[in-house]
Amino acid sequence: MTERSSTNTDGNGHARNRIARPLVAAGAAVGIATLGAWTPAGAPSHGAAASMVSQVVLKATPKSPAAAAQHVTMANFAYSPATLTVGEGTTVSWTNNDATPHTVTSSGSGPLNSGTLNKGGSYNYTFNTPGTYAYYCTIHPFMHGTVVVMK
């Protein structure tokens, strides 16, 4: 009897197929479920697939900046950051880290009016209305900053 040796070049292919087939099937199921969940605008949608699609859309929606405290420093005769974008309801705190005094004063008519802040002094303001708030230092008018408040 002659012993015959054959090399199974597909030996690892079977293992790959056992892993790949369920993954392809799962991907196809999600795609089909997504297509099945589509309804014309204004028409009601039903089922778990529609709920799944809604959850994905909600998670993908960008959020405006959170209404948490934000901080601006005054150092080297500059506000840092010079422009700050926040959500409405956010409190912004300015702290003077320079040895010389500074102010936080609205350009034109506006709500910001810190008075003189010596080294280590702070000023807080809560922005409740969306808009762009430009400000400067009345002692050093070349110092400018902006707070952009998003809804």
N, C-alpha and C. Protein backbone atom coordinates (compact mmCIF):
# COMPACT_ATOMS: atom_id res chain seq x y z
N MET A 1 0.83 -1.16 0.00
CA MET A 1 0.00 0.00 0.00
C MET A 1 0.89 1.24 0.00
N THR A 2 0.53 2.12 -0.84
CA THR A 2 1.31 3.34 -0.98
C THR A 2 0.65 4.44 -0.18
N GLU A 3 1.46 5.10 0.59
CA GLU A 3 0.92 6.21 1.38
C GLU A 3 0.97 7.45 0.52
N ARG A 4 -0.10 8.13 0.50
CA ARG A 4 -0.18 9.33 -0.32
C ARG A 4 -0.32 10.56 0.58
N SER A 5 0.46 11.53 0.31
CA SER A 5 0.42 12.75 1.10
C SER A 5 -0.17 13.86 0.25
N SER A 6 -1.14 14.52 0.79
CA SER A 6 -1.68 15.67 0.06
C SER A 6 -1.67 16.86 1.01
N THR A 7 -1.39 17.97 0.46
CA THR A 7 -1.38 19.19 1.26
C THR A 7 -2.71 19.89 1.06
N ASN A 8 -3.36 20.17 2.15
CA ASN A 8 -4.62 20.88 2.07
C ASN A 8 -4.31 22.37 2.14
N THR A 9 -4.28 22.99 0.97
CA THR A 9 -3.98 24.42 0.94
C THR A 9 -5.16 25.23 1.47
N ASP A 10 -6.28 24.57 1.64
CA ASP A 10 -7.47 25.24 2.10
C ASP A 10 -7.72 25.00 3.58
N GLY A 11 -6.74 24.41 4.28
CA GLY A 11 -6.93 24.06 5.68
C GLY A 11 -7.34 25.24 6.54
N ASN A 12 -6.68 26.37 6.38
CA ASN A 12 -7.03 27.55 7.15
C ASN A 12 -8.25 28.25 6.58
N GLY A 13 -8.57 27.99 5.34
CA GLY A 13 -9.73 28.61 4.71
C GLY A 13 -11.01 28.21 5.38
N HIS A 14 -11.12 26.95 5.83
CA HIS A 14 -12.32 26.49 6.51
C HIS A 14 -12.52 27.25 7.81
N ALA A 15 -11.44 27.49 8.54
CA ALA A 15 -11.53 28.24 9.80
C ALA A 15 -11.96 29.67 9.53
N ARG A 16 -11.39 30.25 8.47
CA ARG A 16 -11.79 31.62 8.13
C ARG A 16 -13.27 31.68 7.76
N ASN A 17 -13.74 30.71 7.01
CA ASN A 17 -15.14 30.71 6.61
C ASN A 17 -16.07 30.57 7.81
N ARG A 18 -15.66 29.74 8.80
CA ARG A 18 -16.49 29.57 9.99
C ARG A 18 -16.63 30.90 10.74
N ILE A 19 -15.63 31.78 10.65
CA ILE A 19 -15.68 33.08 11.31
C ILE A 19 -16.33 34.12 10.40
N ALA A 20 -15.96 34.12 9.13
CA ALA A 20 -16.42 35.16 8.21
C ALA A 20 -17.90 35.05 7.88
N ARG A 21 -18.41 33.85 7.68
CA ARG A 21 -19.82 33.71 7.29
C ARG A 21 -20.77 34.34 8.30
N PRO A 22 -20.62 34.08 9.61
CA PRO A 22 -21.54 34.74 10.56
C PRO A 22 -21.39 36.26 10.55
N LEU A 23 -20.17 36.76 10.36
CA LEU A 23 -19.98 38.21 10.32
C LEU A 23 -20.67 38.82 9.11
N VAL A 24 -20.53 38.18 7.96
CA VAL A 24 -21.20 38.67 6.75
C VAL A 24 -22.70 38.60 6.93
N ALA A 25 -23.20 37.54 7.51
CA ALA A 25 -24.64 37.39 7.73
C ALA A 25 -25.16 38.47 8.68
N ALA A 26 -24.40 38.75 9.73
CA ALA A 26 -24.82 39.79 10.68
C ALA A 26 -24.85 41.15 10.01
N GLY A 27 -23.84 41.45 9.21
CA GLY A 27 -23.81 42.72 8.48
C GLY A 27 -24.97 42.85 7.52
N ALA A 28 -25.27 41.78 6.81
CA ALA A 28 -26.40 41.79 5.89
C ALA A 28 -27.70 41.98 6.64
N ALA A 29 -27.85 41.34 7.79
CA ALA A 29 -29.08 41.47 8.57
C ALA A 29 -29.28 42.90 9.03
N VAL A 30 -28.21 43.56 9.46
CA VAL A 30 -28.32 44.95 9.88
C VAL A 30 -28.70 45.83 8.70
N GLY A 31 -28.08 45.60 7.55
CA GLY A 31 -28.40 46.38 6.35
C GLY A 31 -29.85 46.19 5.93
N ILE A 32 -30.31 44.95 5.94
CA ILE A 32 -31.70 44.67 5.57
C ILE A 32 -32.65 45.27 6.58
N ALA A 33 -32.32 45.17 7.85
CA ALA A 33 -33.17 45.75 8.89
C ALA A 33 -33.25 47.26 8.72
N THR A 34 -32.13 47.87 8.37
CA THR A 34 -32.12 49.31 8.17
C THR A 34 -33.00 49.69 6.99
N LEU A 35 -32.87 48.95 5.89
CA LEU A 35 -33.71 49.24 4.73
C LEU A 35 -35.18 49.00 5.05
N GLY A 36 -35.47 47.96 5.81
CA GLY A 36 -36.85 47.65 6.16
C GLY A 36 -37.44 48.69 7.09
N ALA A 37 -36.59 49.41 7.80
CA ALA A 37 -37.08 50.41 8.75
C ALA A 37 -37.37 51.74 8.09
N TRP A 38 -36.93 51.92 6.84
CA TRP A 38 -37.15 53.18 6.16
C TRP A 38 -38.61 53.34 5.82
N THR A 39 -39.11 54.54 6.05
CA THR A 39 -40.48 54.88 5.67
C THR A 39 -40.46 56.26 5.05
N PRO A 40 -41.41 56.54 4.16
CA PRO A 40 -41.46 57.87 3.59
C PRO A 40 -41.64 58.91 4.69
N ALA A 41 -41.24 60.15 4.43
CA ALA A 41 -41.37 61.21 5.42
C ALA A 41 -42.82 61.34 5.86
N GLY A 42 -43.00 61.40 7.17
CA GLY A 42 -44.34 61.56 7.72
C GLY A 42 -45.07 60.26 7.98
N ALA A 43 -44.59 59.14 7.40
CA ALA A 43 -45.28 57.86 7.62
C ALA A 43 -44.75 57.24 8.90
N PRO A 44 -45.61 56.52 9.65
CA PRO A 44 -45.13 55.90 10.89
C PRO A 44 -44.20 54.74 10.58
N SER A 45 -43.21 54.54 11.42
CA SER A 45 -42.32 53.39 11.28
C SER A 45 -42.57 52.46 12.46
N HIS A 46 -42.32 51.18 12.25
CA HIS A 46 -42.62 50.19 13.28
C HIS A 46 -41.44 49.25 13.46
N GLY A 47 -41.40 48.62 14.60
CA GLY A 47 -40.48 47.51 14.83
C GLY A 47 -39.17 47.91 15.46
N ALA A 48 -38.42 46.86 15.85
CA ALA A 48 -37.15 47.05 16.54
C ALA A 48 -36.11 47.68 15.62
N ALA A 49 -36.17 47.34 14.33
CA ALA A 49 -35.19 47.91 13.40
C ALA A 49 -35.34 49.42 13.32
N ALA A 50 -36.57 49.91 13.30
CA ALA A 50 -36.80 51.36 13.26
C ALA A 50 -36.29 51.99 14.54
N SER A 51 -36.49 51.33 15.66
CA SER A 51 -36.01 51.85 16.93
C SER A 51 -34.49 51.90 16.93
N MET A 52 -33.85 50.87 16.37
CA MET A 52 -32.41 50.82 16.31
C MET A 52 -31.88 51.96 15.45
N VAL A 53 -32.50 52.21 14.31
CA VAL A 53 -32.07 53.28 13.44
C VAL A 53 -32.21 54.62 14.15
N SER A 54 -33.31 54.83 14.86
CA SER A 54 -33.51 56.09 15.59
C SER A 54 -32.42 56.29 16.63
N GLN A 55 -32.05 55.22 17.32
CA GLN A 55 -31.02 55.35 18.35
C GLN A 55 -29.69 55.72 17.72
N VAL A 56 -29.37 55.14 16.57
CA VAL A 56 -28.12 55.45 15.91
C VAL A 56 -28.11 56.91 15.48
N VAL A 57 -29.20 57.40 14.94
CA VAL A 57 -29.27 58.79 14.51
C VAL A 57 -29.12 59.72 15.71
N LEU A 58 -29.76 59.40 16.83
CA LEU A 58 -29.65 60.24 18.01
C LEU A 58 -28.22 60.28 18.52
N LYS A 59 -27.53 59.16 18.48
CA LYS A 59 -26.16 59.12 18.97
C LYS A 59 -25.22 59.89 18.04
N ALA A 60 -25.56 59.99 16.75
CA ALA A 60 -24.70 60.65 15.79
C ALA A 60 -24.93 62.16 15.74
N THR A 61 -25.96 62.67 16.40
CA THR A 61 -26.26 64.09 16.37
C THR A 61 -25.23 64.85 17.20
N PRO A 62 -24.55 65.87 16.59
CA PRO A 62 -23.56 66.61 17.37
C PRO A 62 -24.22 67.44 18.45
N LYS A 63 -23.54 67.58 19.56
CA LYS A 63 -24.07 68.33 20.69
C LYS A 63 -23.38 69.69 20.76
N SER A 64 -24.11 70.70 21.24
CA SER A 64 -23.49 71.99 21.47
C SER A 64 -22.63 71.89 22.72
N PRO A 65 -21.70 72.82 22.88
CA PRO A 65 -20.84 72.76 24.07
C PRO A 65 -21.67 72.70 25.35
N ALA A 66 -21.21 71.90 26.28
CA ALA A 66 -21.93 71.72 27.54
C ALA A 66 -21.92 73.00 28.37
N ALA A 67 -22.95 73.16 29.18
CA ALA A 67 -23.06 74.33 30.04
C ALA A 67 -22.26 74.11 31.32
N ALA A 68 -20.97 73.99 31.17
CA ALA A 68 -20.09 73.79 32.32
C ALA A 68 -19.24 75.05 32.46
N ALA A 69 -18.59 75.20 33.58
CA ALA A 69 -17.74 76.36 33.79
C ALA A 69 -16.56 76.34 32.82
N GLN A 70 -16.24 77.48 32.27
CA GLN A 70 -15.09 77.64 31.37
C GLN A 70 -14.19 78.70 31.96
N HIS A 71 -12.91 78.67 31.59
CA HIS A 71 -11.95 79.56 32.21
C HIS A 71 -11.11 80.28 31.16
N VAL A 72 -10.92 81.58 31.37
CA VAL A 72 -10.03 82.40 30.55
C VAL A 72 -8.99 82.99 31.49
N THR A 73 -7.72 82.94 31.08
CA THR A 73 -6.67 83.55 31.90
C THR A 73 -6.18 84.83 31.22
N MET A 74 -5.71 85.74 32.05
CA MET A 74 -5.06 86.96 31.57
C MET A 74 -3.60 86.81 31.94
N ALA A 75 -2.75 86.67 30.92
CA ALA A 75 -1.32 86.50 31.15
C ALA A 75 -0.57 87.08 29.96
N ASN A 76 0.56 87.72 30.23
CA ASN A 76 1.38 88.32 29.17
C ASN A 76 0.57 89.30 28.32
N PHE A 77 -0.32 90.05 28.99
CA PHE A 77 -1.14 91.08 28.34
C PHE A 77 -2.01 90.50 27.22
N ALA A 78 -2.59 89.31 27.48
CA ALA A 78 -3.50 88.68 26.52
C ALA A 78 -4.50 87.81 27.27
N TYR A 79 -5.69 87.65 26.66
CA TYR A 79 -6.70 86.72 27.16
C TYR A 79 -6.43 85.38 26.50
N SER A 80 -6.48 84.31 27.28
CA SER A 80 -6.25 82.98 26.72
C SER A 80 -7.29 82.00 27.26
N PRO A 81 -8.11 81.41 26.38
CA PRO A 81 -8.12 81.60 24.94
C PRO A 81 -8.73 82.96 24.57
N ALA A 82 -8.31 83.47 23.41
CA ALA A 82 -8.82 84.76 22.94
C ALA A 82 -10.28 84.64 22.51
N THR A 83 -10.65 83.50 21.95
CA THR A 83 -12.04 83.23 21.57
C THR A 83 -12.47 81.93 22.24
N LEU A 84 -13.62 81.99 22.88
CA LEU A 84 -14.16 80.84 23.61
C LEU A 84 -15.59 80.60 23.14
N THR A 85 -15.92 79.37 22.76
CA THR A 85 -17.28 79.01 22.36
C THR A 85 -17.89 78.15 23.46
N VAL A 86 -19.08 78.57 23.94
CA VAL A 86 -19.74 77.88 25.05
C VAL A 86 -21.22 77.71 24.73
N GLY A 87 -21.88 76.87 25.50
CA GLY A 87 -23.33 76.71 25.40
C GLY A 87 -24.01 77.70 26.32
N GLU A 88 -25.28 78.03 26.00
CA GLU A 88 -25.99 78.97 26.86
C GLU A 88 -26.12 78.37 28.26
N GLY A 89 -26.07 79.25 29.26
CA GLY A 89 -26.10 78.81 30.66
C GLY A 89 -24.72 78.54 31.23
N THR A 90 -23.68 78.75 30.43
CA THR A 90 -22.30 78.50 30.87
C THR A 90 -21.76 79.69 31.65
N THR A 91 -21.07 79.40 32.73
CA THR A 91 -20.37 80.44 33.48
C THR A 91 -18.92 80.47 33.03
N VAL A 92 -18.47 81.66 32.67
CA VAL A 92 -17.07 81.84 32.28
C VAL A 92 -16.37 82.61 33.40
N SER A 93 -15.19 82.15 33.75
CA SER A 93 -14.40 82.77 34.81
C SER A 93 -13.10 83.30 34.20
N TRP A 94 -12.80 84.57 34.45
CA TRP A 94 -11.55 85.19 34.03
C TRP A 94 -10.67 85.36 35.26
N THR A 95 -9.39 85.00 35.15
CA THR A 95 -8.44 85.18 36.26
C THR A 95 -7.21 85.92 35.75
N ASN A 96 -6.81 86.94 36.49
CA ASN A 96 -5.64 87.73 36.12
C ASN A 96 -4.38 87.07 36.70
N ASN A 97 -3.52 86.59 35.80
CA ASN A 97 -2.24 85.99 36.21
C ASN A 97 -1.08 86.94 35.98
N ASP A 98 -1.35 88.15 35.50
CA ASP A 98 -0.30 89.15 35.29
C ASP A 98 -0.06 89.93 36.58
N ALA A 99 1.12 90.54 36.67
CA ALA A 99 1.43 91.39 37.83
C ALA A 99 0.71 92.74 37.73
N THR A 100 0.29 93.10 36.53
CA THR A 100 -0.42 94.37 36.33
C THR A 100 -1.93 94.14 36.30
N PRO A 101 -2.72 95.14 36.69
CA PRO A 101 -4.18 94.97 36.69
C PRO A 101 -4.76 94.95 35.29
N HIS A 102 -5.93 94.28 35.15
CA HIS A 102 -6.66 94.18 33.89
C HIS A 102 -8.15 94.29 34.19
N THR A 103 -8.95 94.44 33.12
CA THR A 103 -10.40 94.41 33.24
C THR A 103 -10.97 93.47 32.19
N VAL A 104 -12.22 93.11 32.38
CA VAL A 104 -13.01 92.40 31.37
C VAL A 104 -14.23 93.29 31.15
N THR A 105 -14.23 94.01 30.02
CA THR A 105 -15.26 95.01 29.77
C THR A 105 -15.83 94.80 28.38
N SER A 106 -17.16 94.76 28.27
CA SER A 106 -17.81 94.58 26.97
C SER A 106 -17.41 95.69 26.01
N SER A 107 -17.19 95.31 24.75
CA SER A 107 -16.98 96.30 23.69
C SER A 107 -18.35 96.85 23.33
N GLY A 108 -18.49 98.18 23.28
CA GLY A 108 -19.81 98.76 23.04
C GLY A 108 -20.66 98.57 24.29
N SER A 109 -21.95 98.37 24.08
CA SER A 109 -22.80 98.12 25.24
C SER A 109 -22.95 96.61 25.40
N GLY A 110 -22.69 96.12 26.57
CA GLY A 110 -22.78 94.69 26.83
C GLY A 110 -22.73 94.44 28.32
N PRO A 111 -22.87 93.19 28.71
CA PRO A 111 -23.01 92.86 30.13
C PRO A 111 -21.71 92.75 30.92
N LEU A 112 -20.57 92.65 30.23
CA LEU A 112 -19.32 92.37 30.94
C LEU A 112 -18.72 93.64 31.52
N ASN A 113 -18.48 93.63 32.84
CA ASN A 113 -17.90 94.78 33.52
C ASN A 113 -17.28 94.32 34.83
N SER A 114 -16.03 93.87 34.74
CA SER A 114 -15.37 93.28 35.91
C SER A 114 -14.86 94.30 36.91
N GLY A 115 -14.65 95.52 36.47
CA GLY A 115 -13.89 96.43 37.32
C GLY A 115 -12.43 96.02 37.24
N THR A 116 -11.58 96.64 38.01
CA THR A 116 -10.14 96.34 37.98
C THR A 116 -9.86 95.04 38.72
N LEU A 117 -9.13 94.16 38.03
CA LEU A 117 -8.72 92.88 38.62
C LEU A 117 -7.22 92.90 38.81
N ASN A 118 -6.77 92.90 40.04
CA ASN A 118 -5.34 92.81 40.33
C ASN A 118 -4.86 91.37 40.18
N LYS A 119 -3.55 91.15 40.30
CA LYS A 119 -2.99 89.80 40.17
C LYS A 119 -3.75 88.84 41.08
N GLY A 120 -4.21 87.71 40.50
CA GLY A 120 -4.95 86.69 41.24
C GLY A 120 -6.44 86.96 41.32
N GLY A 121 -6.88 88.15 40.90
CA GLY A 121 -8.30 88.48 40.93
C GLY A 121 -9.08 87.74 39.85
N SER A 122 -10.35 87.44 40.14
CA SER A 122 -11.21 86.72 39.20
C SER A 122 -12.54 87.44 39.01
N TYR A 123 -13.15 87.17 37.86
CA TYR A 123 -14.46 87.70 37.52
C TYR A 123 -15.24 86.58 36.84
N ASN A 124 -16.50 86.40 37.23
CA ASN A 124 -17.35 85.35 36.65
C ASN A 124 -18.58 85.99 36.01
N TYR A 125 -19.01 85.40 34.90
CA TYR A 125 -20.26 85.85 34.27
C TYR A 125 -20.93 84.62 33.64
N THR A 126 -22.25 84.50 33.85
CA THR A 126 -23.01 83.39 33.27
C THR A 126 -23.73 83.90 32.03
N PHE A 127 -23.48 83.25 30.88
CA PHE A 127 -24.06 83.63 29.60
C PHE A 127 -25.34 82.83 29.37
N ASN A 128 -26.49 83.51 29.47
CA ASN A 128 -27.79 82.86 29.30
C ASN A 128 -28.43 83.14 27.95
N THR A 129 -27.84 84.03 27.15
CA THR A 129 -28.41 84.39 25.86
C THR A 129 -27.40 84.11 24.76
N PRO A 130 -27.80 83.34 23.72
CA PRO A 130 -26.88 83.08 22.60
C PRO A 130 -26.46 84.39 21.92
N GLY A 131 -25.26 84.40 21.41
CA GLY A 131 -24.74 85.56 20.70
C GLY A 131 -23.23 85.61 20.79
N THR A 132 -22.66 86.69 20.27
CA THR A 132 -21.22 86.91 20.30
C THR A 132 -20.94 88.10 21.20
N TYR A 133 -20.09 87.89 22.18
CA TYR A 133 -19.77 88.91 23.18
C TYR A 133 -18.29 89.28 23.05
N ALA A 134 -18.02 90.47 22.52
CA ALA A 134 -16.65 90.96 22.40
C ALA A 134 -16.31 91.76 23.65
N TYR A 135 -15.08 91.65 24.11
CA TYR A 135 -14.65 92.38 25.29
C TYR A 135 -13.19 92.78 25.16
N TYR A 136 -12.77 93.69 26.05
CA TYR A 136 -11.39 94.16 26.05
C TYR A 136 -11.00 94.62 27.45
N CYS A 137 -9.74 94.98 27.60
CA CYS A 137 -9.23 95.51 28.87
C CYS A 137 -9.19 97.03 28.73
N THR A 138 -9.89 97.74 29.61
CA THR A 138 -9.90 99.21 29.51
C THR A 138 -8.55 99.82 29.86
N ILE A 139 -7.74 99.12 30.60
CA ILE A 139 -6.40 99.61 30.97
C ILE A 139 -5.42 99.39 29.83
N HIS A 140 -5.60 98.28 29.11
CA HIS A 140 -4.73 97.91 27.98
C HIS A 140 -5.64 97.61 26.78
N PRO A 141 -6.10 98.62 26.07
CA PRO A 141 -7.11 98.44 25.01
C PRO A 141 -6.70 97.52 23.86
N PHE A 142 -5.43 97.17 23.77
CA PHE A 142 -4.99 96.23 22.73
C PHE A 142 -5.34 94.78 23.10
N MET A 143 -5.76 94.55 24.33
CA MET A 143 -6.17 93.20 24.76
C MET A 143 -7.64 93.00 24.39
N HIS A 144 -7.92 92.01 23.54
CA HIS A 144 -9.29 91.73 23.10
C HIS A 144 -9.62 90.25 23.28
N GLY A 145 -10.89 89.97 23.52
CA GLY A 145 -11.36 88.59 23.61
C GLY A 145 -12.80 88.50 23.13
N THR A 146 -13.25 87.29 22.89
CA THR A 146 -14.62 87.06 22.41
C THR A 146 -15.16 85.78 23.03
N VAL A 147 -16.42 85.83 23.46
CA VAL A 147 -17.13 84.63 23.88
C VAL A 147 -18.29 84.45 22.92
N VAL A 148 -18.37 83.27 22.29
CA VAL A 148 -19.46 82.93 21.39
C VAL A 148 -20.36 81.96 22.16
N VAL A 149 -21.64 82.33 22.34
CA VAL A 149 -22.58 81.52 23.09
C VAL A 149 -23.54 80.85 22.12
N MET A 150 -23.54 79.51 22.12
CA MET A 150 -24.39 78.70 21.24
C MET A 150 -25.66 78.30 21.98
N LYS A 151 -26.72 78.15 21.23
CA LYS A 151 -27.98 77.68 21.81
C LYS A 151 -27.90 76.21 22.12
